[in-house]
Amino acid sequence: MRAHLARVDAVLVQAVIAAALSFAHLHDVASAAGQDGWKAWAYPVSVDLLLVAAWRRLRSGDAKAAGWCWFLIALAASLGANVATAGLLDLDHVPAWLRILVAGWPAVAFLGGTLLVHSSPTTHDETSDAVGQETPEDIEDQEDAPDPTPELPAPPAVDPVPVPPPVAVPAALVEHARKVAAEHHARTGTAIDTPTLRARLGVPPLMADAIVAQL
């Protein structure tokens, strides 16, 4: 446990020293570029905050391309200030292009921080749609699963009832049947039925039905 705390303490001390030196170098470059007073101290803060926002985006695993882009921009600003103050740049005569970069840095830092902190590539609606969608494995499992509805046996085939051919009835027999029917109606007061007519005429059932149909 003590060894672990010793390693952590060493890392924290090294981080504090590096942050302090980088902070001082950024302050010196901003001050040499004409940003005096509190403005010179604000530049190191904006660089460090952009580094932290980019690192958090890289740790979250979302939109790593944007995280790496802004992380490299902030790292280049920090390293550039460290190298510039190492004697490679005359801080008493800062070139115009460096003054332009220093003056435009706040807008760049604000844009990068806003894009990193207030944008999320995965929204709630997209997550819900992904949950509602079925994967090919789920569809295959549903196809392989047995159908809970039992299959009913096919009904037996029913032979169609043959339709008897029409019976030709002579006209004279029809006329005689009309007379028999009229006599029966006059005697009983009711229409003659098919069995009675068939018995009176002495014809088969099919012919009797054909005669009744023509009466």
Protein backbone atom coordinates (compact mmCIF):
# COMPACT_ATOMS: atom_id res chain seq x y z
CA MET A 1 0.00 0.00 0.00
CA ARG A 2 2.83 2.40 0.85
CA ALA A 3 4.64 1.53 -2.38
CA HIS A 4 1.47 2.30 -4.33
CA LEU A 5 1.09 5.64 -2.54
CA ALA A 6 4.74 6.43 -3.26
CA ARG A 7 4.24 5.81 -6.97
CA VAL A 8 1.11 7.94 -7.00
CA ASP A 9 2.82 10.74 -5.11
CA ALA A 10 5.75 10.73 -7.56
CA VAL A 11 3.39 10.93 -10.51
CA LEU A 12 1.43 13.77 -8.90
CA VAL A 13 4.59 15.71 -8.13
CA GLN A 14 5.83 15.28 -11.69
CA ALA A 15 2.44 16.33 -13.06
CA VAL A 16 2.38 19.45 -10.89
CA ILE A 17 5.88 20.44 -11.96
CA ALA A 18 5.15 19.91 -15.67
CA ALA A 19 1.85 21.80 -15.41
CA ALA A 20 3.49 24.70 -13.61
CA LEU A 21 6.30 25.00 -16.18
CA SER A 22 3.91 24.73 -19.12
CA PHE A 23 1.61 27.26 -17.45
CA ALA A 24 4.48 29.71 -17.03
CA HIS A 25 5.68 29.25 -20.63
CA LEU A 26 2.22 29.89 -22.01
CA HIS A 27 1.91 32.98 -19.83
CA ASP A 28 5.26 34.31 -21.06
CA VAL A 29 4.37 33.79 -24.74
CA ALA A 30 0.95 35.43 -24.33
CA SER A 31 2.50 38.36 -22.46
CA ALA A 32 5.18 38.78 -25.14
CA ALA A 33 2.47 38.76 -27.83
CA GLY A 34 0.76 41.75 -26.26
CA GLN A 35 -1.70 40.02 -23.91
CA ASP A 36 -0.73 41.58 -20.62
CA GLY A 37 -2.30 41.44 -17.17
CA TRP A 38 -4.99 38.87 -16.38
CA LYS A 39 -5.30 38.00 -20.09
CA ALA A 40 -1.83 36.47 -20.12
CA TRP A 41 -2.83 34.20 -17.21
CA ALA A 42 -6.07 33.18 -18.92
CA TYR A 43 -4.30 31.66 -21.93
CA PRO A 44 -2.66 28.76 -20.01
CA VAL A 45 -6.01 28.00 -18.37
CA SER A 46 -7.77 27.74 -21.74
CA VAL A 47 -5.06 25.45 -23.14
CA ASP A 48 -5.19 23.14 -20.11
CA LEU A 49 -9.00 23.03 -20.13
CA LEU A 50 -9.02 22.06 -23.80
CA LEU A 51 -6.51 19.30 -23.07
CA VAL A 52 -8.71 17.98 -20.25
CA ALA A 53 -11.88 18.07 -22.39
CA ALA A 54 -10.15 16.23 -25.25
CA TRP A 55 -8.73 13.64 -22.84
CA ARG A 56 -12.17 13.03 -21.32
CA ARG A 57 -13.62 12.47 -24.79
CA LEU A 58 -10.85 9.96 -25.57
CA ARG A 59 -11.50 8.14 -22.29
CA SER A 60 -15.26 7.95 -22.94
CA GLY A 61 -14.70 6.07 -26.22
CA ASP A 62 -17.10 8.28 -28.26
CA ALA A 63 -15.95 10.28 -31.32
CA LYS A 64 -12.28 9.54 -30.81
CA ALA A 65 -11.38 11.35 -34.04
CA ALA A 66 -12.66 14.67 -32.65
CA GLY A 67 -10.98 13.98 -29.32
CA TRP A 68 -7.60 13.31 -30.93
CA CYS A 69 -7.94 16.37 -33.19
CA TRP A 70 -8.50 18.85 -30.37
CA PHE A 71 -6.02 17.07 -28.10
CA LEU A 72 -3.27 17.52 -30.70
CA ILE A 73 -4.23 21.18 -31.21
CA ALA A 74 -3.99 21.91 -27.48
CA LEU A 75 -0.79 19.85 -27.20
CA ALA A 76 0.75 21.78 -30.10
CA ALA A 77 -0.09 25.08 -28.36
CA SER A 78 1.49 23.90 -25.12
CA LEU A 79 4.59 22.43 -26.75
CA GLY A 80 4.95 25.47 -29.00
CA ALA A 81 5.02 27.76 -25.99
CA ASN A 82 7.56 25.53 -24.23
CA VAL A 83 9.86 25.46 -27.26
CA ALA A 84 9.43 29.17 -27.97
CA THR A 85 10.56 30.14 -24.48
CA ALA A 86 13.65 27.88 -24.68
CA GLY A 87 15.64 30.55 -26.49
CA LEU A 88 14.42 29.87 -30.03
CA LEU A 89 12.17 32.95 -30.02
CA ASP A 90 13.08 36.51 -29.17
CA LEU A 91 10.28 37.44 -26.78
CA ASP A 92 11.20 41.11 -27.11
CA HIS A 93 10.48 41.03 -30.86
CA VAL A 94 7.57 38.61 -31.39
CA PRO A 95 6.71 38.05 -35.10
CA ALA A 96 3.33 39.12 -36.42
CA TRP A 97 2.13 35.57 -37.16
CA LEU A 98 2.58 34.60 -33.49
CA ARG A 99 0.61 37.64 -32.37
CA ILE A 100 -2.18 36.56 -34.72
CA LEU A 101 -2.15 33.00 -33.34
CA VAL A 102 -2.23 34.21 -29.76
CA ALA A 103 -5.03 36.67 -30.48
CA GLY A 104 -7.14 34.02 -32.25
CA TRP A 105 -6.57 31.27 -29.70
CA PRO A 106 -9.56 32.12 -27.40
CA ALA A 107 -12.03 31.57 -30.23
CA VAL A 108 -10.36 28.29 -31.19
CA ALA A 109 -10.34 27.06 -27.59
CA PHE A 110 -14.00 28.02 -27.08
CA LEU A 111 -15.05 26.20 -30.28
CA GLY A 112 -13.09 23.06 -29.37
CA GLY A 113 -14.36 22.95 -25.79
CA THR A 114 -17.96 23.45 -26.88
CA LEU A 115 -17.78 20.68 -29.48
CA LEU A 116 -16.14 18.27 -27.05
CA VAL A 117 -18.34 18.91 -24.02
CA HIS A 118 -21.77 19.70 -25.48
CA SER A 119 -21.99 17.17 -28.30
CA SER A 120 -22.71 13.46 -28.03
CA PRO A 121 -22.58 11.11 -31.04
CA THR A 122 -25.06 8.70 -29.45
CA THR A 123 -28.52 10.05 -28.65
CA HIS A 124 -31.34 8.43 -26.72
CA ASP A 125 -33.49 7.93 -29.83
CA GLU A 126 -30.72 6.09 -31.67
CA THR A 127 -30.17 3.85 -28.63
CA SER A 128 -33.88 3.06 -28.45
CA ASP A 129 -33.99 2.22 -32.14
CA ALA A 130 -30.98 -0.04 -31.76
CA VAL A 131 -32.71 -1.87 -28.88
CA GLY A 132 -35.92 -2.25 -30.89
CA GLN A 133 -34.20 -3.66 -33.98
CA GLU A 134 -33.84 -7.40 -34.41
CA THR A 135 -30.47 -8.83 -35.26
CA PRO A 136 -30.05 -11.54 -37.92
CA GLU A 137 -29.35 -14.03 -35.10
CA ASP A 138 -32.70 -13.21 -33.47
CA ILE A 139 -34.55 -13.65 -36.76
CA GLU A 140 -32.81 -16.98 -37.37
CA ASP A 141 -33.73 -18.19 -33.88
CA GLN A 142 -37.36 -17.24 -34.46
CA GLU A 143 -37.39 -19.16 -37.73
CA ASP A 144 -35.89 -22.25 -36.07
CA ALA A 145 -38.32 -22.14 -33.12
CA PRO A 146 -41.32 -24.52 -33.42
CA ASP A 147 -44.66 -23.02 -34.30
CA PRO A 148 -46.89 -23.08 -31.19
CA THR A 149 -50.05 -23.34 -33.35
CA PRO A 150 -50.87 -27.03 -34.03
CA GLU A 151 -51.46 -27.98 -37.61
CA LEU A 152 -55.04 -29.10 -38.24
CA PRO A 153 -55.58 -32.12 -40.50
CA ALA A 154 -56.90 -31.38 -43.93
CA PRO A 155 -60.63 -32.09 -44.31
CA PRO A 156 -61.46 -35.25 -46.26
CA ALA A 157 -62.26 -34.83 -49.89
CA VAL A 158 -65.98 -34.93 -50.60
CA ASP A 159 -67.12 -36.29 -53.91
CA PRO A 160 -69.52 -33.95 -55.65
CA VAL A 161 -73.13 -35.08 -55.78
CA PRO A 162 -73.95 -36.04 -59.35
CA VAL A 163 -76.61 -33.91 -60.92
CA PRO A 164 -79.20 -36.01 -62.79
CA PRO A 165 -79.66 -35.17 -66.44
CA PRO A 166 -82.86 -33.33 -67.37
CA VAL A 167 -85.85 -35.60 -68.16
CA ALA A 168 -87.68 -34.97 -71.39
CA VAL A 169 -91.46 -34.94 -70.77
CA PRO A 170 -93.85 -35.27 -73.69
CA ALA A 171 -96.21 -32.37 -74.16
CA ALA A 172 -99.23 -34.68 -74.11
CA LEU A 173 -98.20 -36.06 -70.71
CA VAL A 174 -97.80 -32.53 -69.36
CA GLU A 175 -101.28 -31.63 -70.62
CA HIS A 176 -102.76 -34.74 -69.02
CA ALA A 177 -100.98 -33.87 -65.74
CA ARG A 178 -102.55 -30.41 -65.81
CA LYS A 179 -106.00 -31.99 -66.09
CA VAL A 180 -105.29 -34.37 -63.22
CA ALA A 181 -104.02 -31.50 -61.11
CA ALA A 182 -107.08 -29.36 -61.92
CA GLU A 183 -109.43 -32.21 -61.05
CA HIS A 184 -107.61 -32.79 -57.73
CA HIS A 185 -107.79 -29.09 -56.87
CA ALA A 186 -111.49 -28.92 -57.72
CA ARG A 187 -112.20 -31.97 -55.56
CA THR A 188 -109.99 -31.27 -52.56
CA GLY A 189 -109.43 -27.52 -52.76
CA THR A 190 -105.64 -27.94 -52.49
CA ALA A 191 -102.85 -28.24 -55.04
CA ILE A 192 -101.79 -31.75 -55.89
CA ASP A 193 -98.45 -32.86 -54.44
CA THR A 194 -95.72 -34.72 -56.30
CA PRO A 195 -96.28 -38.21 -54.80
CA THR A 196 -100.02 -38.07 -55.57
CA LEU A 197 -99.37 -36.89 -59.11
CA ARG A 198 -96.76 -39.60 -59.62
CA ALA A 199 -99.23 -42.24 -58.38
CA ARG A 200 -102.02 -40.96 -60.63
CA LEU A 201 -99.80 -40.83 -63.70
CA GLY A 202 -97.71 -43.91 -62.95
CA VAL A 203 -94.39 -42.26 -63.86
CA PRO A 204 -90.94 -42.52 -62.16
CA PRO A 205 -89.91 -39.92 -59.54
CA LEU A 206 -87.59 -37.94 -61.85
CA MET A 207 -90.26 -37.53 -64.47
CA ALA A 208 -92.82 -36.60 -61.84
CA ASP A 209 -90.52 -33.83 -60.59
CA ALA A 210 -90.05 -32.60 -64.16
CA ILE A 211 -93.84 -32.52 -64.73
CA VAL A 212 -94.45 -30.62 -61.49
CA ALA A 213 -91.82 -28.08 -62.53
CA GLN A 214 -93.75 -27.40 -65.76
CA LEU A 215 -97.21 -27.12 -64.19
